[in-house]
Amino acid sequence: AEARLGPERLTGAYAWKSLLDSGAKMAFGTD
């Protein structure tokens, strides 16, 4: 992800806490 996006675009990557703090419902799995 660091290579694909570059360090300046990683905010919002796999953002579990930010989503929960915003009030979103979250479900986890493994794929």
All heavy atoms as atom14 arrays in JSON, in Angstrom:
{
  "sequence": "AEARLGPERLTGAYAWKSLLDSGAKMAFGTD",
  "atom14_mask": [
    [1, 1, 1, 1, 1, 0, 0, 0, 0, 0, 0, 0, 0, 0],
    [1, 1, 1, 1, 1, 1, 1, 1, 1, 0, 0, 0, 0, 0],
    [1, 1, 1, 1, 1, 0, 0, 0, 0, 0, 0, 0, 0, 0],
    [1, 1, 1, 1, 1, 1, 1, 1, 1, 1, 1, 0, 0, 0],
    [1, 1, 1, 1, 1, 1, 1, 1, 0, 0, 0, 0, 0, 0],
    [1, 1, 1, 1, 0, 0, 0, 0, 0, 0, 0, 0, 0, 0],
    [1, 1, 1, 1, 1, 1, 1, 0, 0, 0, 0, 0, 0, 0],
    [1, 1, 1, 1, 1, 1, 1, 1, 1, 0, 0, 0, 0, 0],
    [1, 1, 1, 1, 1, 1, 1, 1, 1, 1, 1, 0, 0, 0],
    [1, 1, 1, 1, 1, 1, 1, 1, 0, 0, 0, 0, 0, 0],
    [1, 1, 1, 1, 1, 1, 1, 0, 0, 0, 0, 0, 0, 0],
    [1, 1, 1, 1, 0, 0, 0, 0, 0, 0, 0, 0, 0, 0],
    [1, 1, 1, 1, 1, 0, 0, 0, 0, 0, 0, 0, 0, 0],
    [1, 1, 1, 1, 1, 1, 1, 1, 1, 1, 1, 1, 0, 0],
    [1, 1, 1, 1, 1, 0, 0, 0, 0, 0, 0, 0, 0, 0],
    [1, 1, 1, 1, 1, 1, 1, 1, 1, 1, 1, 1, 1, 1],
    [1, 1, 1, 1, 1, 1, 1, 1, 1, 0, 0, 0, 0, 0],
    [1, 1, 1, 1, 1, 1, 0, 0, 0, 0, 0, 0, 0, 0],
    [1, 1, 1, 1, 1, 1, 1, 1, 0, 0, 0, 0, 0, 0],
    [1, 1, 1, 1, 1, 1, 1, 1, 0, 0, 0, 0, 0, 0],
    [1, 1, 1, 1, 1, 1, 1, 1, 0, 0, 0, 0, 0, 0],
    [1, 1, 1, 1, 1, 1, 0, 0, 0, 0, 0, 0, 0, 0],
    [1, 1, 1, 1, 0, 0, 0, 0, 0, 0, 0, 0, 0, 0],
    [1, 1, 1, 1, 1, 0, 0, 0, 0, 0, 0, 0, 0, 0],
    [1, 1, 1, 1, 1, 1, 1, 1, 1, 0, 0, 0, 0, 0],
    [1, 1, 1, 1, 1, 1, 1, 1, 0, 0, 0, 0, 0, 0],
    [1, 1, 1, 1, 1, 0, 0, 0, 0, 0, 0, 0, 0, 0],
    [1, 1, 1, 1, 1, 1, 1, 1, 1, 1, 1, 0, 0, 0],
    [1, 1, 1, 1, 0, 0, 0, 0, 0, 0, 0, 0, 0, 0],
    [1, 1, 1, 1, 1, 1, 1, 0, 0, 0, 0, 0, 0, 0],
    [1, 1, 1, 1, 1, 1, 1, 1, 0, 0, 0, 0, 0, 0]
  ],
  "atom14_positions": [
    [[0.83, -1.2, 0.0], [0.0, 0.0, 0.0], [0.86, 1.25, 0.0], [0.54, 2.25, -0.67], [-0.93, -0.01, 1.21], [0.0, 0.0, 0.0], [0.0, 0.0, 0.0], [0.0, 0.0, 0.0], [0.0, 0.0, 0.0], [0.0, 0.0, 0.0], [0.0, 0.0, 0.0], [0.0, 0.0, 0.0], [0.0, 0.0, 0.0], [0.0, 0.0, 0.0]],
    [[1.96, 1.22, 0.75], [2.87, 2.36, 0.76], [3.44, 2.61, -0.63], [3.57, 3.77, -1.06], [4.0, 2.12, 1.76], [3.55, 2.14, 3.21], [4.64, 1.68, 4.16], [5.65, 1.11, 3.69], [4.49, 1.9, 5.39], [0.0, 0.0, 0.0], [0.0, 0.0, 0.0], [0.0, 0.0, 0.0], [0.0, 0.0, 0.0], [0.0, 0.0, 0.0]],
    [[3.79, 1.54, -1.33], [4.35, 1.69, -2.68], [3.28, 2.16, -3.67], [3.55, 3.02, -4.51], [4.94, 0.35, -3.14], [0.0, 0.0, 0.0], [0.0, 0.0, 0.0], [0.0, 0.0, 0.0], [0.0, 0.0, 0.0], [0.0, 0.0, 0.0], [0.0, 0.0, 0.0], [0.0, 0.0, 0.0], [0.0, 0.0, 0.0], [0.0, 0.0, 0.0]],
    [[2.08, 1.61, -3.57], [1.02, 1.96, -4.52], [0.54, 3.4, -4.34], [0.19, 4.08, -5.31], [-0.17, 1.02, -4.36], [0.11, -0.45, -4.66], [0.28, -0.7, -6.15], [0.41, -2.12, -6.42], [1.55, -2.8, -6.43], [2.7, -2.15, -6.18], [1.58, -4.09, -6.69], [0.0, 0.0, 0.0], [0.0, 0.0, 0.0], [0.0, 0.0, 0.0]],
    [[0.47, 3.86, -3.09], [-0.15, 5.15, -2.81], [0.84, 6.27, -2.53], [0.55, 7.43, -2.79], [-1.1, 5.02, -1.61], [-2.25, 4.03, -1.76], [-2.99, 3.89, -0.44], [-3.2, 4.45, -2.86], [0.0, 0.0, 0.0], [0.0, 0.0, 0.0], [0.0, 0.0, 0.0], [0.0, 0.0, 0.0], [0.0, 0.0, 0.0], [0.0, 0.0, 0.0]],
    [[1.99, 5.92, -1.95], [2.91, 6.95, -1.49], [2.5, 7.38, -0.09], [1.32, 7.32, 0.28], [0.0, 0.0, 0.0], [0.0, 0.0, 0.0], [0.0, 0.0, 0.0], [0.0, 0.0, 0.0], [0.0, 0.0, 0.0], [0.0, 0.0, 0.0], [0.0, 0.0, 0.0], [0.0, 0.0, 0.0], [0.0, 0.0, 0.0], [0.0, 0.0, 0.0]],
    [[3.45, 7.84, 0.72], [3.17, 8.13, 2.14], [2.12, 9.22, 2.36], [1.4, 9.2, 3.35], [4.54, 8.55, 2.69], [5.34, 8.95, 1.49], [4.86, 8.08, 0.37], [0.0, 0.0, 0.0], [0.0, 0.0, 0.0], [0.0, 0.0, 0.0], [0.0, 0.0, 0.0], [0.0, 0.0, 0.0], [0.0, 0.0, 0.0], [0.0, 0.0, 0.0]],
    [[2.03, 10.16, 1.43], [1.11, 11.29, 1.65], [-0.35, 10.9, 1.44], [-1.26, 11.67, 1.8], [1.49, 12.46, 0.73], [1.22, 12.23, -0.75], [2.26, 11.36, -1.42], [3.25, 11.0, -0.76], [2.09, 11.06, -2.63], [0.0, 0.0, 0.0], [0.0, 0.0, 0.0], [0.0, 0.0, 0.0], [0.0, 0.0, 0.0], [0.0, 0.0, 0.0]],
    [[-0.64, 9.71, 0.91], [-2.03, 9.33, 0.63], [-2.49, 8.16, 1.5], [-3.49, 7.51, 1.2], [-2.18, 8.95, -0.85], [-1.99, 10.14, -1.78], [-1.69, 9.71, -3.21], [-2.77, 8.94, -3.8], [-2.68, 8.28, -4.97], [-1.54, 8.29, -5.63], [-3.7, 7.63, -5.46], [0.0, 0.0, 0.0], [0.0, 0.0, 0.0], [0.0, 0.0, 0.0]],
    [[-1.79, 7.9, 2.6], [-2.14, 6.76, 3.44], [-3.19, 7.07, 4.5], [-3.76, 6.17, 5.09], [-0.87, 6.22, 4.13], [0.15, 5.58, 3.19], [1.4, 5.18, 3.96], [-0.44, 4.37, 2.46], [0.0, 0.0, 0.0], [0.0, 0.0, 0.0], [0.0, 0.0, 0.0], [0.0, 0.0, 0.0], [0.0, 0.0, 0.0], [0.0, 0.0, 0.0]],
    [[-3.45, 8.34, 4.75], [-4.52, 8.69, 5.67], [-5.84, 8.2, 5.09], [-6.16, 8.47, 3.94], [-4.59, 10.21, 5.89], [-3.32, 10.68, 6.33], [-5.66, 10.56, 6.91], [0.0, 0.0, 0.0], [0.0, 0.0, 0.0], [0.0, 0.0, 0.0], [0.0, 0.0, 0.0], [0.0, 0.0, 0.0], [0.0, 0.0, 0.0], [0.0, 0.0, 0.0]],
    [[-6.57, 7.45, 5.85], [-7.8, 6.85, 5.33], [-7.6, 5.43, 4.84], [-8.53, 4.81, 4.33], [0.0, 0.0, 0.0], [0.0, 0.0, 0.0], [0.0, 0.0, 0.0], [0.0, 0.0, 0.0], [0.0, 0.0, 0.0], [0.0, 0.0, 0.0], [0.0, 0.0, 0.0], [0.0, 0.0, 0.0], [0.0, 0.0, 0.0], [0.0, 0.0, 0.0]],
    [[-6.38, 4.89, 4.99], [-6.11, 3.5, 4.58], [-6.38, 2.57, 5.75], [-5.81, 2.74, 6.83], [-4.66, 3.37, 4.12], [0.0, 0.0, 0.0], [0.0, 0.0, 0.0], [0.0, 0.0, 0.0], [0.0, 0.0, 0.0], [0.0, 0.0, 0.0], [0.0, 0.0, 0.0], [0.0, 0.0, 0.0], [0.0, 0.0, 0.0], [0.0, 0.0, 0.0]],
    [[-7.28, 1.61, 5.56], [-7.62, 0.64, 6.6], [-7.99, 1.4, 7.88], [-7.5, 1.1, 8.97], [-6.47, -0.33, 6.84], [-5.89, -0.91, 5.56], [-4.87, -0.23, 4.87], [-6.36, -2.09, 5.01], [-4.36, -0.73, 3.68], [-5.84, -2.61, 3.83], [-4.84, -1.91, 3.17], [-4.33, -2.4, 1.99], [0.0, 0.0, 0.0], [0.0, 0.0, 0.0]],
    [[-8.89, 2.36, 7.75], [-9.16, 3.35, 8.81], [-10.27, 2.87, 9.75], [-11.33, 3.49, 9.86], [-9.53, 4.69, 8.18], [0.0, 0.0, 0.0], [0.0, 0.0, 0.0], [0.0, 0.0, 0.0], [0.0, 0.0, 0.0], [0.0, 0.0, 0.0], [0.0, 0.0, 0.0], [0.0, 0.0, 0.0], [0.0, 0.0, 0.0], [0.0, 0.0, 0.0]],
    [[-10.0, 1.8, 10.48], [-11.02, 1.19, 11.33], [-11.5, 2.14, 12.43], [-12.71, 2.32, 12.62], [-10.48, -0.09, 11.98], [-9.77, -1.0, 11.04], [-10.14, -1.33, 9.77], [-8.55, -1.69, 11.28], [-9.24, -2.2, 9.21], [-8.25, -2.44, 10.11], [-7.68, -1.78, 12.38], [-7.11, -3.25, 10.01], [-6.56, -2.59, 12.28], [-6.28, -3.31, 11.11]],
    [[-10.58, 2.74, 13.15], [-10.97, 3.59, 14.28], [-11.7, 4.84, 13.79], [-12.69, 5.27, 14.41], [-9.72, 3.99, 15.07], [-10.0, 4.74, 16.37], [-10.7, 3.85, 17.38], [-10.57, 4.41, 18.81], [-11.03, 5.8, 18.95], [0.0, 0.0, 0.0], [0.0, 0.0, 0.0], [0.0, 0.0, 0.0], [0.0, 0.0, 0.0], [0.0, 0.0, 0.0]],
    [[-11.22, 5.42, 12.71], [-11.89, 6.62, 12.18], [-13.32, 6.31, 11.76], [-14.24, 7.11, 12.0], [-11.1, 7.18, 11.0], [-9.84, 7.67, 11.4], [0.0, 0.0, 0.0], [0.0, 0.0, 0.0], [0.0, 0.0, 0.0], [0.0, 0.0, 0.0], [0.0, 0.0, 0.0], [0.0, 0.0, 0.0], [0.0, 0.0, 0.0], [0.0, 0.0, 0.0]],
    [[-13.52, 5.16, 11.14], [-14.88, 4.78, 10.74], [-15.77, 4.55, 11.95], [-16.91, 5.04, 11.99], [-14.82, 3.53, 9.86], [-14.38, 3.77, 8.41], [-13.91, 2.47, 7.76], [-15.52, 4.39, 7.6], [0.0, 0.0, 0.0], [0.0, 0.0, 0.0], [0.0, 0.0, 0.0], [0.0, 0.0, 0.0], [0.0, 0.0, 0.0], [0.0, 0.0, 0.0]],
    [[-15.27, 3.84, 12.95], [-16.07, 3.61, 14.15], [-16.37, 4.91, 14.88], [-17.5, 5.15, 15.31], [-15.35, 2.65, 15.09], [-15.55, 1.15, 14.87], [-14.83, 0.37, 15.96], [-17.01, 0.76, 14.84], [0.0, 0.0, 0.0], [0.0, 0.0, 0.0], [0.0, 0.0, 0.0], [0.0, 0.0, 0.0], [0.0, 0.0, 0.0], [0.0, 0.0, 0.0]],
    [[-15.37, 5.76, 15.0], [-15.57, 7.04, 15.69], [-16.57, 7.93, 14.97], [-17.23, 8.76, 15.6], [-14.24, 7.78, 15.84], [-13.33, 7.15, 16.89], [-13.81, 6.3, 17.66], [-12.14, 7.52, 16.94], [0.0, 0.0, 0.0], [0.0, 0.0, 0.0], [0.0, 0.0, 0.0], [0.0, 0.0, 0.0], [0.0, 0.0, 0.0], [0.0, 0.0, 0.0]],
    [[-16.7, 7.75, 13.66], [-17.66, 8.55, 12.89], [-19.09, 8.05, 13.07], [-20.03, 8.7, 12.61], [-17.29, 8.51, 11.39], [-17.62, 7.25, 10.82], [0.0, 0.0, 0.0], [0.0, 0.0, 0.0], [0.0, 0.0, 0.0], [0.0, 0.0, 0.0], [0.0, 0.0, 0.0], [0.0, 0.0, 0.0], [0.0, 0.0, 0.0], [0.0, 0.0, 0.0]],
    [[-19.23, 6.88, 13.72], [-20.56, 6.32, 13.92], [-20.94, 5.21, 12.97], [-22.06, 4.7, 13.02], [0.0, 0.0, 0.0], [0.0, 0.0, 0.0], [0.0, 0.0, 0.0], [0.0, 0.0, 0.0], [0.0, 0.0, 0.0], [0.0, 0.0, 0.0], [0.0, 0.0, 0.0], [0.0, 0.0, 0.0], [0.0, 0.0, 0.0], [0.0, 0.0, 0.0]],
    [[-20.0, 4.81, 12.12], [-20.3, 3.75, 11.14], [-20.35, 2.39, 11.82], [-19.64, 2.13, 12.79], [-19.24, 3.75, 10.04], [0.0, 0.0, 0.0], [0.0, 0.0, 0.0], [0.0, 0.0, 0.0], [0.0, 0.0, 0.0], [0.0, 0.0, 0.0], [0.0, 0.0, 0.0], [0.0, 0.0, 0.0], [0.0, 0.0, 0.0], [0.0, 0.0, 0.0]],
    [[-21.2, 1.51, 11.3], [-21.22, 0.12, 11.72], [-20.09, -0.62, 11.01], [-19.78, -0.35, 9.84], [-22.55, -0.53, 11.36], [-23.77, 0.1, 12.01], [-23.86, -0.25, 13.47], [-25.17, 0.25, 14.07], [-25.27, -0.07, 15.52], [0.0, 0.0, 0.0], [0.0, 0.0, 0.0], [0.0, 0.0, 0.0], [0.0, 0.0, 0.0], [0.0, 0.0, 0.0]],
    [[-19.48, -1.58, 11.73], [-18.34, -2.29, 11.15], [-18.48, -3.78, 11.38], [-18.95, -4.23, 12.43], [-17.03, -1.79, 11.78], [-15.77, -2.41, 11.22], [-14.28, -1.59, 11.86], [-14.44, 0.01, 11.07], [0.0, 0.0, 0.0], [0.0, 0.0, 0.0], [0.0, 0.0, 0.0], [0.0, 0.0, 0.0], [0.0, 0.0, 0.0], [0.0, 0.0, 0.0]],
    [[-18.09, -4.55, 10.37], [-18.06, -6.01, 10.46], [-16.7, -6.48, 10.0], [-16.15, -5.96, 9.02], [-19.16, -6.62, 9.58], [0.0, 0.0, 0.0], [0.0, 0.0, 0.0], [0.0, 0.0, 0.0], [0.0, 0.0, 0.0], [0.0, 0.0, 0.0], [0.0, 0.0, 0.0], [0.0, 0.0, 0.0], [0.0, 0.0, 0.0], [0.0, 0.0, 0.0]],
    [[-16.15, -7.47, 10.69], [-14.83, -7.99, 10.35], [-14.92, -9.41, 9.8], [-15.75, -10.22, 10.23], [-13.91, -8.01, 11.57], [-13.24, -6.7, 11.86], [-12.58, -6.5, 13.08], [-13.24, -5.65, 10.95], [-11.94, -5.31, 13.37], [-12.61, -4.45, 11.23], [-11.95, -4.28, 12.45], [0.0, 0.0, 0.0], [0.0, 0.0, 0.0], [0.0, 0.0, 0.0]],
    [[-14.05, -9.7, 8.85], [-13.91, -11.04, 8.29], [-12.48, -11.26, 7.87], [-11.58, -10.5, 8.24], [0.0, 0.0, 0.0], [0.0, 0.0, 0.0], [0.0, 0.0, 0.0], [0.0, 0.0, 0.0], [0.0, 0.0, 0.0], [0.0, 0.0, 0.0], [0.0, 0.0, 0.0], [0.0, 0.0, 0.0], [0.0, 0.0, 0.0], [0.0, 0.0, 0.0]],
    [[-12.27, -12.29, 7.07], [-10.9, -12.65, 6.67], [-10.66, -12.62, 5.17], [-9.52, -12.61, 4.73], [-10.55, -14.06, 7.18], [-11.44, -15.01, 6.58], [-10.64, -14.15, 8.7], [0.0, 0.0, 0.0], [0.0, 0.0, 0.0], [0.0, 0.0, 0.0], [0.0, 0.0, 0.0], [0.0, 0.0, 0.0], [0.0, 0.0, 0.0], [0.0, 0.0, 0.0]],
    [[-11.74, -12.65, 4.38], [-11.61, -12.81, 2.93], [-10.98, -14.15, 2.57], [-10.33, -14.29, 1.54], [-10.81, -11.66, 2.3], [-11.1, -11.47, 0.81], [-12.07, -12.08, 0.31], [-10.36, -10.72, 0.15], [0.0, 0.0, 0.0], [0.0, 0.0, 0.0], [0.0, 0.0, 0.0], [0.0, 0.0, 0.0], [0.0, 0.0, 0.0], [0.0, 0.0, 0.0]]
  ]
}
